[in-house]
């Protein structure tokens, strides 16, 4: 038997705890953050394009501040830039959170490997 292939009971329990806890959490965290990041990122681009098109007189694009309060056509670009920026910021923060979480998982996994602790 190779020196690195023998695992102690403690190693096995640590790995089982890691996989159970991060596996269940990852089922929720990764899809939610990925969906928010890519969905909101795509929507922020669409909002900016809609504001640009509406500024040049396209009448079928509606921008409302509330029921019965429509944004004037002259303000469409400003409004879409502000709203698109907010949505884009949420997308960016979600993407950064996803990257941070994935890096955390990778680092935690590497710490649990018996070969990295034996050295």
PDB file of N, CA and C in Angstrom:
ATOM      1  N   UNK A   1       0.851  -1.175   0.000  1.00  0.00           N
ATOM      2  CA  UNK A   1       0.000   0.000   0.000  1.00  0.00           C
ATOM      3  C   UNK A   1       0.899   1.241   0.000  1.00  0.00           C
ATOM      4  N   UNK A   2       0.531   2.232  -0.793  1.00  0.00           N
ATOM      5  CA  UNK A   2       1.308   3.464  -0.852  1.00  0.00           C
ATOM      6  C   UNK A   2       1.146   4.250   0.433  1.00  0.00           C
ATOM      7  N   UNK A   3       2.128   5.091   0.695  1.00  0.00           N
ATOM      8  CA  UNK A   3       2.113   5.870   1.927  1.00  0.00           C
ATOM      9  C   UNK A   3       0.924   6.833   1.981  1.00  0.00           C
ATOM     10  N   UNK A   4       0.588   7.509   0.846  1.00  0.00           N
ATOM     11  CA  UNK A   4      -0.479   8.511   0.832  1.00  0.00           C
ATOM     12  C   UNK A   4      -1.878   7.934   0.695  1.00  0.00           C
ATOM     13  N   UNK A   5      -2.008   6.622   0.437  1.00  0.00           N
ATOM     14  CA  UNK A   5      -3.335   6.064   0.187  1.00  0.00           C
ATOM     15  C   UNK A   5      -4.085   5.688   1.458  1.00  0.00           C
ATOM     16  N   UNK A   6      -3.397   5.507   2.583  1.00  0.00           N
ATOM     17  CA  UNK A   6      -4.065   5.157   3.833  1.00  0.00           C
ATOM     18  C   UNK A   6      -4.694   6.411   4.430  1.00  0.00           C
ATOM     19  N   UNK A   7      -5.973   6.302   4.734  1.00  0.00           N
ATOM     20  CA  UNK A   7      -6.689   7.445   5.314  1.00  0.00           C
ATOM     21  C   UNK A   7      -7.146   7.070   6.713  1.00  0.00           C
ATOM     22  N   UNK A   8      -6.980   8.012   7.599  1.00  0.00           N
ATOM     23  CA  UNK A   8      -7.431   7.765   8.964  1.00  0.00           C
ATOM     24  C   UNK A   8      -8.932   7.993   9.059  1.00  0.00           C
ATOM     25  N   UNK A   9      -9.495   7.548  10.145  1.00  0.00           N
ATOM     26  CA  UNK A   9     -10.920   7.750  10.385  1.00  0.00           C
ATOM     27  C   UNK A   9     -11.247   9.246  10.430  1.00  0.00           C
ATOM     28  N   UNK A  10     -10.358  10.031  11.039  1.00  0.00           N
ATOM     29  CA  UNK A  10     -10.547  11.483  11.123  1.00  0.00           C
ATOM     30  C   UNK A  10     -10.584  12.104   9.730  1.00  0.00           C
ATOM     31  N   UNK A  11      -9.684  11.667   8.832  1.00  0.00           N
ATOM     32  CA  UNK A  11      -9.666  12.185   7.461  1.00  0.00           C
ATOM     33  C   UNK A  11     -10.984  11.891   6.743  1.00  0.00           C
ATOM     34  N   UNK A  12     -11.456  10.671   6.893  1.00  0.00           N
ATOM     35  CA  UNK A  12     -12.699  10.266   6.238  1.00  0.00           C
ATOM     36  C   UNK A  12     -13.880  11.072   6.776  1.00  0.00           C
ATOM     37  N   UNK A  13     -13.940  11.278   8.075  1.00  0.00           N
ATOM     38  CA  UNK A  13     -15.043  12.035   8.670  1.00  0.00           C
ATOM     39  C   UNK A  13     -14.984  13.513   8.256  1.00  0.00           C
ATOM     40  N   UNK A  14     -13.780  14.090   8.204  1.00  0.00           N
ATOM     41  CA  UNK A  14     -13.638  15.473   7.746  1.00  0.00           C
ATOM     42  C   UNK A  14     -14.107  15.629   6.306  1.00  0.00           C
ATOM     43  N   UNK A  15     -13.716  14.702   5.460  1.00  0.00           N
ATOM     44  CA  UNK A  15     -14.131  14.761   4.056  1.00  0.00           C
ATOM     45  C   UNK A  15     -15.641  14.555   3.912  1.00  0.00           C
ATOM     46  N   UNK A  16     -16.202  13.628   4.673  1.00  0.00           N
ATOM     47  CA  UNK A  16     -17.646  13.400   4.605  1.00  0.00           C
ATOM     48  C   UNK A  16     -18.409  14.641   5.068  1.00  0.00           C
ATOM     49  N   UNK A  17     -17.954  15.257   6.155  1.00  0.00           N
ATOM     50  CA  UNK A  17     -18.596  16.492   6.626  1.00  0.00           C
ATOM     51  C   UNK A  17     -18.483  17.611   5.615  1.00  0.00           C
ATOM     52  N   UNK A  18     -17.319  17.734   4.995  1.00  0.00           N
ATOM     53  CA  UNK A  18     -17.120  18.775   3.983  1.00  0.00           C
ATOM     54  C   UNK A  18     -18.067  18.571   2.802  1.00  0.00           C
ATOM     55  N   UNK A  19     -18.111  17.362   2.267  1.00  0.00           N
ATOM     56  CA  UNK A  19     -18.955  17.106   1.097  1.00  0.00           C
ATOM     57  C   UNK A  19     -20.443  17.243   1.418  1.00  0.00           C
ATOM     58  N   UNK A  20     -20.851  16.819   2.599  1.00  0.00           N
ATOM     59  CA  UNK A  20     -22.269  16.948   2.962  1.00  0.00           C
ATOM     60  C   UNK A  20     -22.675  18.409   3.124  1.00  0.00           C
ATOM     61  N   UNK A  21     -21.862  19.172   3.806  1.00  0.00           N
ATOM     62  CA  UNK A  21     -22.233  20.570   4.051  1.00  0.00           C
ATOM     63  C   UNK A  21     -22.099  21.428   2.808  1.00  0.00           C
ATOM     64  N   UNK A  22     -20.996  21.332   2.106  1.00  0.00           N
ATOM     65  CA  UNK A  22     -20.829  22.176   0.929  1.00  0.00           C
ATOM     66  C   UNK A  22     -21.669  21.695  -0.239  1.00  0.00           C
ATOM     67  N   UNK A  23     -21.907  20.404  -0.310  1.00  0.00           N
ATOM     68  CA  UNK A  23     -22.733  19.883  -1.399  1.00  0.00           C
ATOM     69  C   UNK A  23     -24.148  20.411  -1.327  1.00  0.00           C
ATOM     70  N   UNK A  24     -24.748  20.359  -0.142  1.00  0.00           N
ATOM     71  CA  UNK A  24     -26.121  20.861   0.009  1.00  0.00           C
ATOM     72  C   UNK A  24     -26.195  22.369  -0.187  1.00  0.00           C
ATOM     73  N   UNK A  25     -25.213  23.086   0.342  1.00  0.00           N
ATOM     74  CA  UNK A  25     -25.202  24.534   0.184  1.00  0.00           C
ATOM     75  C   UNK A  25     -24.964  24.930  -1.268  1.00  0.00           C
ATOM     76  N   UNK A  26     -24.087  24.211  -1.940  1.00  0.00           N
ATOM     77  CA  UNK A  26     -23.760  24.528  -3.326  1.00  0.00           C
ATOM     78  C   UNK A  26     -24.943  24.312  -4.271  1.00  0.00           C
ATOM     79  N   UNK A  27     -25.802  23.373  -3.927  1.00  0.00           N
ATOM     80  CA  UNK A  27     -26.989  23.136  -4.753  1.00  0.00           C
ATOM     81  C   UNK A  27     -27.854  24.393  -4.831  1.00  0.00           C
ATOM     82  N   UNK A  28     -27.833  25.192  -3.766  1.00  0.00           N
ATOM     83  CA  UNK A  28     -28.630  26.416  -3.741  1.00  0.00           C
ATOM     84  C   UNK A  28     -27.826  27.643  -4.172  1.00  0.00           C
ATOM     85  N   UNK A  29     -26.627  27.774  -3.673  1.00  0.00           N
ATOM     86  CA  UNK A  29     -25.849  29.002  -3.862  1.00  0.00           C
ATOM     87  C   UNK A  29     -25.385  29.178  -5.305  1.00  0.00           C
ATOM     88  N   UNK A  30     -24.785  28.155  -5.881  1.00  0.00           N
ATOM     89  CA  UNK A  30     -24.202  28.290  -7.219  1.00  0.00           C
ATOM     90  C   UNK A  30     -25.257  28.605  -8.281  1.00  0.00           C
ATOM     91  N   UNK A  31     -26.377  27.864  -8.380  1.00  0.00           N
ATOM     92  CA  UNK A  31     -27.361  28.223  -9.407  1.00  0.00           C
ATOM     93  C   UNK A  31     -27.986  29.607  -9.205  1.00  0.00           C
ATOM     94  N   UNK A  32     -28.235  29.989  -7.951  1.00  0.00           N
ATOM     95  CA  UNK A  32     -28.855  31.298  -7.698  1.00  0.00           C
ATOM     96  C   UNK A  32     -27.912  32.420  -8.107  1.00  0.00           C
ATOM     97  N   UNK A  33     -26.665  32.356  -7.663  1.00  0.00           N
ATOM     98  CA  UNK A  33     -25.711  33.410  -8.007  1.00  0.00           C
ATOM     99  C   UNK A  33     -25.436  33.451  -9.509  1.00  0.00           C
ATOM    100  N   UNK A  34     -25.327  32.290 -10.145  1.00  0.00           N
ATOM    101  CA  UNK A  34     -25.076  32.255 -11.588  1.00  0.00           C
ATOM    102  C   UNK A  34     -26.257  32.819 -12.365  1.00  0.00           C
ATOM    103  N   UNK A  35     -27.464  32.481 -11.958  1.00  0.00           N
ATOM    104  CA  UNK A  35     -28.655  32.997 -12.642  1.00  0.00           C
ATOM    105  C   UNK A  35     -28.773  34.502 -12.488  1.00  0.00           C
ATOM    106  N   UNK A  36     -28.543  34.997 -11.284  1.00  0.00           N
ATOM    107  CA  UNK A  36     -28.603  36.445 -11.060  1.00  0.00           C
ATOM    108  C   UNK A  36     -27.508  37.147 -11.856  1.00  0.00           C
ATOM    109  N   UNK A  37     -26.301  36.619 -11.815  1.00  0.00           N
ATOM    110  CA  UNK A  37     -25.177  37.265 -12.498  1.00  0.00           C
ATOM    111  C   UNK A  37     -25.420  37.357 -14.003  1.00  0.00           C
ATOM    112  N   UNK A  38     -25.727  36.251 -14.629  1.00  0.00           N
ATOM    113  CA  UNK A  38     -25.880  36.266 -16.077  1.00  0.00           C
ATOM    114  C   UNK A  38     -27.214  36.857 -16.520  1.00  0.00           C
ATOM    115  N   UNK A  39     -28.281  36.577 -15.794  1.00  0.00           N
ATOM    116  CA  UNK A  39     -29.584  37.136 -16.155  1.00  0.00           C
ATOM    117  C   UNK A  39     -29.635  38.647 -15.998  1.00  0.00           C
ATOM    118  N   UNK A  40     -29.169  39.141 -14.855  1.00  0.00           N
ATOM    119  CA  UNK A  40     -29.169  40.582 -14.637  1.00  0.00           C
ATOM    120  C   UNK A  40     -28.175  41.282 -15.558  1.00  0.00           C
ATOM    121  N   UNK A  41     -27.046  40.637 -15.843  1.00  0.00           N
ATOM    122  CA  UNK A  41     -26.077  41.216 -16.771  1.00  0.00           C
ATOM    123  C   UNK A  41     -26.673  41.396 -18.160  1.00  0.00           C
ATOM    124  N   UNK A  42     -27.370  40.381 -18.628  1.00  0.00           N
ATOM    125  CA  UNK A  42     -28.033  40.457 -19.924  1.00  0.00           C
ATOM    126  C   UNK A  42     -29.120  41.531 -19.921  1.00  0.00           C
ATOM    127  N   UNK A  43     -29.891  41.589 -18.843  1.00  0.00           N
ATOM    128  CA  UNK A  43     -30.966  42.586 -18.751  1.00  0.00           C
ATOM    129  C   UNK A  43     -30.422  44.013 -18.696  1.00  0.00           C
ATOM    130  N   UNK A  44     -29.284  44.212 -18.046  1.00  0.00           N
ATOM    131  CA  UNK A  44     -28.727  45.565 -17.976  1.00  0.00           C
ATOM    132  C   UNK A  44     -28.340  46.053 -19.365  1.00  0.00           C
ATOM    133  N   UNK A  45     -27.825  45.164 -20.208  1.00  0.00           N
ATOM    134  CA  UNK A  45     -27.505  45.537 -21.594  1.00  0.00           C
ATOM    135  C   UNK A  45     -28.783  45.853 -22.358  1.00  0.00           C
ATOM    136  N   UNK A  46     -29.823  45.042 -22.180  1.00  0.00           N
ATOM    137  CA  UNK A  46     -31.105  45.288 -22.861  1.00  0.00           C
ATOM    138  C   UNK A  46     -31.736  46.608 -22.419  1.00  0.00           C
ATOM    139  N   UNK A  47     -31.625  46.927 -21.142  1.00  0.00           N
ATOM    140  CA  UNK A  47     -32.186  48.198 -20.641  1.00  0.00           C
ATOM    141  C   UNK A  47     -31.470  49.376 -21.281  1.00  0.00           C
ATOM    142  N   UNK A  48     -30.163  49.306 -21.369  1.00  0.00           N
ATOM    143  CA  UNK A  48     -29.389  50.380 -21.991  1.00  0.00           C
ATOM    144  C   UNK A  48     -29.762  50.535 -23.468  1.00  0.00           C
ATOM    145  N   UNK A  49     -29.880  49.414 -24.186  1.00  0.00           N
ATOM    146  CA  UNK A  49     -30.264  49.466 -25.605  1.00  0.00           C
ATOM    147  C   UNK A  49     -31.671  50.028 -25.765  1.00  0.00           C
ATOM    148  N   UNK A  50     -32.592  49.619 -24.896  1.00  0.00           N
ATOM    149  CA  UNK A  50     -33.967  50.134 -24.963  1.00  0.00           C
ATOM    150  C   UNK A  50     -33.997  51.644 -24.741  1.00  0.00           C
ATOM    151  N   UNK A  51     -33.221  52.141 -23.794  1.00  0.00           N
ATOM    152  CA  UNK A  51     -33.149  53.586 -23.559  1.00  0.00           C
ATOM    153  C   UNK A  51     -32.580  54.329 -24.748  1.00  0.00           C
ATOM    154  N   UNK A  52     -31.567  53.753 -25.362  1.00  0.00           N
ATOM    155  CA  UNK A  52     -30.964  54.375 -26.543  1.00  0.00           C
ATOM    156  C   UNK A  52     -31.951  54.426 -27.700  1.00  0.00           C
ATOM    157  N   UNK A  53     -32.625  53.315 -27.945  1.00  0.00           N
ATOM    158  CA  UNK A  53     -33.607  53.264 -29.039  1.00  0.00           C
ATOM    159  C   UNK A  53     -34.780  54.205 -28.764  1.00  0.00           C
ATOM    160  N   UNK A  54     -35.253  54.233 -27.531  1.00  0.00           N
ATOM    161  CA  UNK A  54     -36.394  55.101 -27.184  1.00  0.00           C
ATOM    162  C   UNK A  54     -36.025  56.577 -27.321  1.00  0.00           C
ATOM    163  N   UNK A  55     -34.768  56.919 -27.036  1.00  0.00           N
ATOM    164  CA  UNK A  55     -34.319  58.303 -27.171  1.00  0.00           C
ATOM    165  C   UNK A  55     -34.455  58.783 -28.616  1.00  0.00           C
ATOM    166  N   UNK A  56     -34.274  57.871 -29.565  1.00  0.00           N
ATOM    167  CA  UNK A  56     -34.375  58.240 -30.982  1.00  0.00           C
ATOM    168  C   UNK A  56     -35.789  58.129 -31.535  1.00  0.00           C
ATOM    169  N   UNK A  57     -36.784  57.997 -30.662  1.00  0.00           N
ATOM    170  CA  UNK A  57     -38.168  58.126 -31.080  1.00  0.00           C
ATOM    171  C   UNK A  57     -38.975  56.861 -31.238  1.00  0.00           C
ATOM    172  N   UNK A  58     -38.494  55.718 -30.834  1.00  0.00           N
ATOM    173  CA  UNK A  58     -39.285  54.489 -30.917  1.00  0.00           C
ATOM    174  C   UNK A  58     -40.372  54.563 -29.855  1.00  0.00           C
ATOM    175  N   UNK A  59     -41.622  54.477 -30.290  1.00  0.00           N
ATOM    176  CA  UNK A  59     -42.749  54.720 -29.376  1.00  0.00           C
ATOM    177  C   UNK A  59     -43.245  53.473 -28.654  1.00  0.00           C
ATOM    178  N   UNK A  60     -42.905  52.290 -29.120  1.00  0.00           N
ATOM    179  CA  UNK A  60     -43.441  51.073 -28.500  1.00  0.00           C
ATOM    180  C   UNK A  60     -42.667  50.654 -27.251  1.00  0.00           C
ATOM    181  N   UNK A  61     -41.559  51.299 -26.941  1.00  0.00           N
ATOM    182  CA  UNK A  61     -40.829  51.012 -25.710  1.00  0.00           C
ATOM    183  C   UNK A  61     -41.361  51.937 -24.623  1.00  0.00           C
ATOM    184  N   UNK A  62     -41.878  51.361 -23.555  1.00  0.00           N
ATOM    185  CA  UNK A  62     -42.442  52.150 -22.470  1.00  0.00           C
ATOM    186  C   UNK A  62     -41.532  52.113 -21.256  1.00  0.00           C
ATOM    187  N   UNK A  63     -41.326  53.283 -20.674  1.00  0.00           N
ATOM    188  CA  UNK A  63     -40.563  53.387 -19.429  1.00  0.00           C
ATOM    189  C   UNK A  63     -41.411  54.166 -18.449  1.00  0.00           C
ATOM    190  N   UNK A  64     -41.772  53.512 -17.353  1.00  0.00           N
ATOM    191  CA  UNK A  64     -42.644  54.126 -16.364  1.00  0.00           C
ATOM    192  C   UNK A  64     -41.957  54.168 -15.006  1.00  0.00           C
ATOM    193  N   UNK A  65     -42.231  55.231 -14.268  1.00  0.00           N
ATOM    194  CA  UNK A  65     -41.762  55.338 -12.887  1.00  0.00           C
ATOM    195  C   UNK A  65     -42.769  54.728 -11.927  1.00  0.00           C
ATOM    196  N   UNK A  66     -43.963  54.578 -12.366  1.00  0.00           N
ATOM    197  CA  UNK A  66     -45.049  54.034 -11.565  1.00  0.00           C
ATOM    198  C   UNK A  66     -46.304  54.030 -12.417  1.00  0.00           C
ATOM    199  N   UNK A  67     -47.436  53.667 -11.823  1.00  0.00           N
ATOM    200  CA  UNK A  67     -48.688  53.659 -12.586  1.00  0.00           C
ATOM    201  C   UNK A  67     -49.037  55.068 -13.080  1.00  0.00           C
ATOM    202  N   UNK A  68     -49.097  55.230 -14.367  1.00  0.00           N
ATOM    203  CA  UNK A  68     -49.487  56.501 -14.961  1.00  0.00           C
ATOM    204  C   UNK A  68     -48.392  57.560 -15.007  1.00  0.00           C
ATOM    205  N   UNK A  69     -47.184  57.239 -14.594  1.00  0.00           N
ATOM    206  CA  UNK A  69     -46.081  58.209 -14.611  1.00  0.00           C
ATOM    207  C   UNK A  69     -45.031  57.711 -15.597  1.00  0.00           C
ATOM    208  N   UNK A  70     -45.094  58.227 -16.813  1.00  0.00           N
ATOM    209  CA  UNK A  70     -44.167  57.786 -17.855  1.00  0.00           C
ATOM    210  C   UNK A  70     -42.950  58.704 -17.906  1.00  0.00           C
ATOM    211  N   UNK A  71     -41.795  58.100 -18.183  1.00  0.00           N
ATOM    212  CA  UNK A  71     -40.551  58.857 -18.324  1.00  0.00           C
ATOM    213  C   UNK A  71     -40.609  59.594 -19.663  1.00  0.00           C
ATOM    214  N   UNK A  72     -40.335  60.916 -19.678  1.00  0.00           N
ATOM    215  CA  UNK A  72     -40.297  61.631 -20.962  1.00  0.00           C
ATOM    216  C   UNK A  72     -39.229  61.036 -21.887  1.00  0.00           C
ATOM    217  N   UNK A  73     -39.479  61.094 -23.177  1.00  0.00           N
ATOM    218  CA  UNK A  73     -38.565  60.525 -24.163  1.00  0.00           C
ATOM    219  C   UNK A  73     -37.161  61.114 -24.039  1.00  0.00           C
ATOM    220  N   UNK A  74     -37.071  62.406 -23.730  1.00  0.00           N
ATOM    221  CA  UNK A  74     -35.763  63.059 -23.614  1.00  0.00           C
ATOM    222  C   UNK A  74     -34.939  62.499 -22.458  1.00  0.00           C
ATOM    223  N   UNK A  75     -35.584  61.950 -21.467  1.00  0.00           N
ATOM    224  CA  UNK A  75     -34.904  61.424 -20.282  1.00  0.00           C
ATOM    225  C   UNK A  75     -34.662  59.919 -20.356  1.00  0.00           C
ATOM    226  N   UNK A  76     -35.006  59.301 -21.457  1.00  0.00           N
ATOM    227  CA  UNK A  76     -34.907  57.844 -21.587  1.00  0.00           C
ATOM    228  C   UNK A  76     -33.487  57.333 -21.396  1.00  0.00           C
ATOM    229  N   UNK A  77     -32.524  58.003 -22.005  1.00  0.00           N
ATOM    230  CA  UNK A  77     -31.138  57.536 -21.909  1.00  0.00           C
ATOM    231  C   UNK A  77     -30.620  57.648 -20.476  1.00  0.00           C
ATOM    232  N   UNK A  78     -30.907  58.733 -19.814  1.00  0.00           N
ATOM    233  CA  UNK A  78     -30.478  58.912 -18.424  1.00  0.00           C
ATOM    234  C   UNK A  78     -31.135  57.864 -17.523  1.00  0.00           C
ATOM    235  N   UNK A  79     -32.431  57.703 -17.679  1.00  0.00           N
ATOM    236  CA  UNK A  79     -33.177  56.738 -16.876  1.00  0.00           C
ATOM    237  C   UNK A  79     -32.653  55.316 -17.097  1.00  0.00           C
ATOM    238  N   UNK A  80     -32.450  54.939 -18.361  1.00  0.00           N
ATOM    239  CA  UNK A  80     -31.979  53.581 -18.645  1.00  0.00           C
ATOM    240  C   UNK A  80     -30.540  53.374 -18.171  1.00  0.00           C
ATOM    241  N   UNK A  81     -29.724  54.422 -18.197  1.00  0.00           N
ATOM    242  CA  UNK A  81     -28.354  54.301 -17.702  1.00  0.00           C
ATOM    243  C   UNK A  81     -28.341  54.084 -16.194  1.00  0.00           C
ATOM    244  N   UNK A  82     -29.178  54.807 -15.482  1.00  0.00           N
ATOM    245  CA  UNK A  82     -29.244  54.648 -14.023  1.00  0.00           C
ATOM    246  C   UNK A  82     -29.783  53.272 -13.646  1.00  0.00           C
ATOM    247  N   UNK A  83     -30.904  52.890 -14.227  1.00  0.00           N
ATOM    248  CA  UNK A  83     -31.512  51.591 -13.911  1.00  0.00           C
ATOM    249  C   UNK A  83     -30.617  50.446 -14.394  1.00  0.00           C
ATOM    250  N   UNK A  84     -30.066  50.573 -15.602  1.00  0.00           N
ATOM    251  CA  UNK A  84     -29.152  49.549 -16.118  1.00  0.00           C
ATOM    252  C   UNK A  84     -27.899  49.428 -15.270  1.00  0.00           C
ATOM    253  N   UNK A  85     -27.418  50.557 -14.743  1.00  0.00           N
ATOM    254  CA  UNK A  85     -26.253  50.537 -13.867  1.00  0.00           C
ATOM    255  C   UNK A  85     -26.531  49.824 -12.557  1.00  0.00           C
ATOM    256  N   UNK A  86     -27.708  50.055 -12.000  1.00  0.00           N
ATOM    257  CA  UNK A  86     -28.094  49.369 -10.757  1.00  0.00           C
ATOM    258  C   UNK A  86     -28.201  47.861 -10.997  1.00  0.00           C
ATOM    259  N   UNK A  87     -28.892  47.487 -12.066  1.00  0.00           N
ATOM    260  CA  UNK A  87     -29.053  46.067 -12.401  1.00  0.00           C
ATOM    261  C   UNK A  87     -27.696  45.439 -12.729  1.00  0.00           C
ATOM    262  N   UNK A  88     -26.855  46.171 -13.466  1.00  0.00           N
ATOM    263  CA  UNK A  88     -25.515  45.683 -13.785  1.00  0.00           C
ATOM    264  C   UNK A  88     -24.657  45.533 -12.544  1.00  0.00           C
ATOM    265  N   UNK A  89     -24.817  46.442 -11.576  1.00  0.00           N
ATOM    266  CA  UNK A  89     -24.082  46.337 -10.318  1.00  0.00           C
ATOM    267  C   UNK A  89     -24.475  45.103  -9.539  1.00  0.00           C
ATOM    268  N   UNK A  90     -25.758  44.792  -9.529  1.00  0.00           N
ATOM    269  CA  UNK A  90     -26.225  43.570  -8.865  1.00  0.00           C
ATOM    270  C   UNK A  90     -25.641  42.343  -9.565  1.00  0.00           C
ATOM    271  N   UNK A  91     -25.601  42.378 -10.899  1.00  0.00           N
ATOM    272  CA  UNK A  91     -25.025  41.266 -11.656  1.00  0.00           C
ATOM    273  C   UNK A  91     -23.544  41.099 -11.329  1.00  0.00           C
ATOM    274  N   UNK A  92     -22.820  42.203 -11.262  1.00  0.00           N
ATOM    275  CA  UNK A  92     -21.391  42.151 -10.974  1.00  0.00           C
ATOM    276  C   UNK A  92     -21.127  41.608  -9.569  1.00  0.00           C
ATOM    277  N   UNK A  93     -21.897  42.090  -8.600  1.00  0.00           N
ATOM    278  CA  UNK A  93     -21.722  41.601  -7.225  1.00  0.00           C
ATOM    279  C   UNK A  93     -22.044  40.112  -7.115  1.00  0.00           C
ATOM    280  N   UNK A  94     -23.044  39.660  -7.839  1.00  0.00           N
ATOM    281  CA  UNK A  94     -23.384  38.230  -7.834  1.00  0.00           C
ATOM    282  C   UNK A  94     -22.272  37.412  -8.475  1.00  0.00           C
ATOM    283  N   UNK A  95     -21.710  37.916  -9.562  1.00  0.00           N
ATOM    284  CA  UNK A  95     -20.613  37.222 -10.224  1.00  0.00           C
ATOM    285  C   UNK A  95     -19.391  37.143  -9.310  1.00  0.00           C
ATOM    286  N   UNK A  96     -19.083  38.251  -8.631  1.00  0.00           N
ATOM    287  CA  UNK A  96     -17.955  38.254  -7.686  1.00  0.00           C
ATOM    288  C   UNK A  96     -18.216  37.291  -6.529  1.00  0.00           C
ATOM    289  N   UNK A  97     -19.446  37.266  -6.037  1.00  0.00           N
ATOM    290  CA  UNK A  97     -19.809  36.330  -4.975  1.00  0.00           C
ATOM    291  C   UNK A  97     -19.662  34.889  -5.418  1.00  0.00           C
ATOM    292  N   UNK A  98     -20.054  34.607  -6.648  1.00  0.00           N
ATOM    293  CA  UNK A  98     -19.927  33.250  -7.190  1.00  0.00           C
ATOM    294  C   UNK A  98     -18.455  32.856  -7.293  1.00  0.00           C
ATOM    295  N   UNK A  99     -17.621  33.742  -7.793  1.00  0.00           N
ATOM    296  CA  UNK A  99     -16.185  33.461  -7.897  1.00  0.00           C
ATOM    297  C   UNK A  99     -15.563  33.255  -6.512  1.00  0.00           C
ATOM    298  N   UNK A 100     -15.938  34.098  -5.558  1.00  0.00           N
ATOM    299  CA  UNK A 100     -15.416  33.972  -4.199  1.00  0.00           C
ATOM    300  C   UNK A 100     -15.824  32.638  -3.579  1.00  0.00           C
ATOM    301  N   UNK A 101     -17.073  32.263  -3.764  1.00  0.00           N
ATOM    302  CA  UNK A 101     -17.567  31.001  -3.219  1.00  0.00           C
ATOM    303  C   UNK A 101     -16.848  29.811  -3.854  1.00  0.00           C
ATOM    304  N   UNK A 102     -16.657  29.845  -5.157  1.00  0.00           N
ATOM    305  CA  UNK A 102     -15.971  28.747  -5.842  1.00  0.00           C
ATOM    306  C   UNK A 102     -14.505  28.668  -5.399  1.00  0.00           C
ATOM    307  N   UNK A 103     -13.852  29.804  -5.235  1.00  0.00           N
ATOM    308  CA  UNK A 103     -12.468  29.808  -4.742  1.00  0.00           C
ATOM    309  C   UNK A 103     -12.390  29.268  -3.316  1.00  0.00           C
ATOM    310  N   UNK A 104     -13.373  29.631  -2.492  1.00  0.00           N
ATOM    311  CA  UNK A 104     -13.443  29.111  -1.124  1.00  0.00           C
ATOM    312  C   UNK A 104     -13.584  27.589  -1.128  1.00  0.00           C
ATOM    313  N   UNK A 105     -14.458  27.075  -1.985  1.00  0.00           N
ATOM    314  CA  UNK A 105     -14.643  25.619  -2.062  1.00  0.00           C
ATOM    315  C   UNK A 105     -13.352  24.926  -2.498  1.00  0.00           C
ATOM    316  N   UNK A 106     -12.689  25.502  -3.486  1.00  0.00           N
ATOM    317  CA  UNK A 106     -11.446  24.896  -3.972  1.00  0.00           C
ATOM    318  C   UNK A 106     -10.373  24.888  -2.887  1.00  0.00           C
ATOM    319  N   UNK A 107     -10.223  26.009  -2.201  1.00  0.00           N
ATOM    320  CA  UNK A 107      -9.218  26.097  -1.143  1.00  0.00           C
ATOM    321  C   UNK A 107      -9.546  25.135   0.002  1.00  0.00           C
ATOM    322  N   UNK A 108     -10.821  25.040   0.364  1.00  0.00           N
ATOM    323  CA  UNK A 108     -11.225  24.134   1.441  1.00  0.00           C
ATOM    324  C   UNK A 108     -10.988  22.678   1.050  1.00  0.00           C
ATOM    325  N   UNK A 109     -11.264  22.359  -0.187  1.00  0.00           N
ATOM    326  CA  UNK A 109     -11.058  20.988  -0.669  1.00  0.00           C
ATOM    327  C   UNK A 109      -9.575  20.637  -0.634  1.00  0.00           C
ATOM    328  N   UNK A 110      -8.736  21.564  -1.073  1.00  0.00           N
ATOM    329  CA  UNK A 110      -7.284  21.300  -1.073  1.00  0.00           C
ATOM    330  C   UNK A 110      -6.748  21.116   0.348  1.00  0.00           C
ATOM    331  N   UNK A 111      -7.315  21.838   1.321  1.00  0.00           N
ATOM    332  CA  UNK A 111      -6.877  21.674   2.711  1.00  0.00           C
ATOM    333  C   UNK A 111      -7.242  20.312   3.272  1.00  0.00           C
ATOM    334  N   UNK A 112      -8.360  19.748   2.786  1.00  0.00           N
ATOM    335  CA  UNK A 112      -8.832  18.465   3.306  1.00  0.00           C
ATOM    336  C   UNK A 112      -8.082  17.276   2.750  1.00  0.00           C
ATOM    337  N   UNK A 113      -7.436  17.437   1.618  1.00  0.00           N
ATOM    338  CA  UNK A 113      -6.735  16.310   1.034  1.00  0.00           C
ATOM    339  C   UNK A 113      -5.652  15.824   1.980  1.00  0.00           C
ATOM    340  N   UNK A 114      -5.609  14.544   2.268  1.00  0.00           N
ATOM    341  CA  UNK A 114      -4.610  14.030   3.203  1.00  0.00           C
ATOM    342  C   UNK A 114      -3.176  14.305   2.750  1.00  0.00           C
ATOM    343  N   UNK A 115      -2.933  14.297   1.462  1.00  0.00           N
ATOM    344  CA  UNK A 115      -1.567  14.517   0.970  1.00  0.00           C
ATOM    345  C   UNK A 115      -1.087  15.928   1.268  1.00  0.00           C
ATOM    346  N   UNK A 116      -1.985  16.918   1.296  1.00  0.00           N
ATOM    347  CA  UNK A 116      -1.552  18.286   1.576  1.00  0.00           C
ATOM    348  C   UNK A 116      -1.262  18.494   3.061  1.00  0.00           C
ATOM    349  N   UNK A 117      -1.885  17.711   3.935  1.00  0.00           N
ATOM    350  CA  UNK A 117      -1.636  17.837   5.374  1.00  0.00           C
ATOM    351  C   UNK A 117      -0.430  17.024   5.821  1.00  0.00           C
ATOM    352  N   UNK A 118      -0.086  15.995   5.051  1.00  0.00           N
ATOM    353  CA  UNK A 118       1.034  15.134   5.448  1.00  0.00           C
ATOM    354  C   UNK A 118       2.375  15.783   5.183  1.00  0.00           C
ATOM    355  N   UNK A 119       2.405  16.743   4.257  1.00  0.00           N
ATOM    356  CA  UNK A 119       3.690  17.358   3.898  1.00  0.00           C
ATOM    357  C   UNK A 119       4.225  18.301   4.915  1.00  0.00           C
TER     358      UNK A 119
END
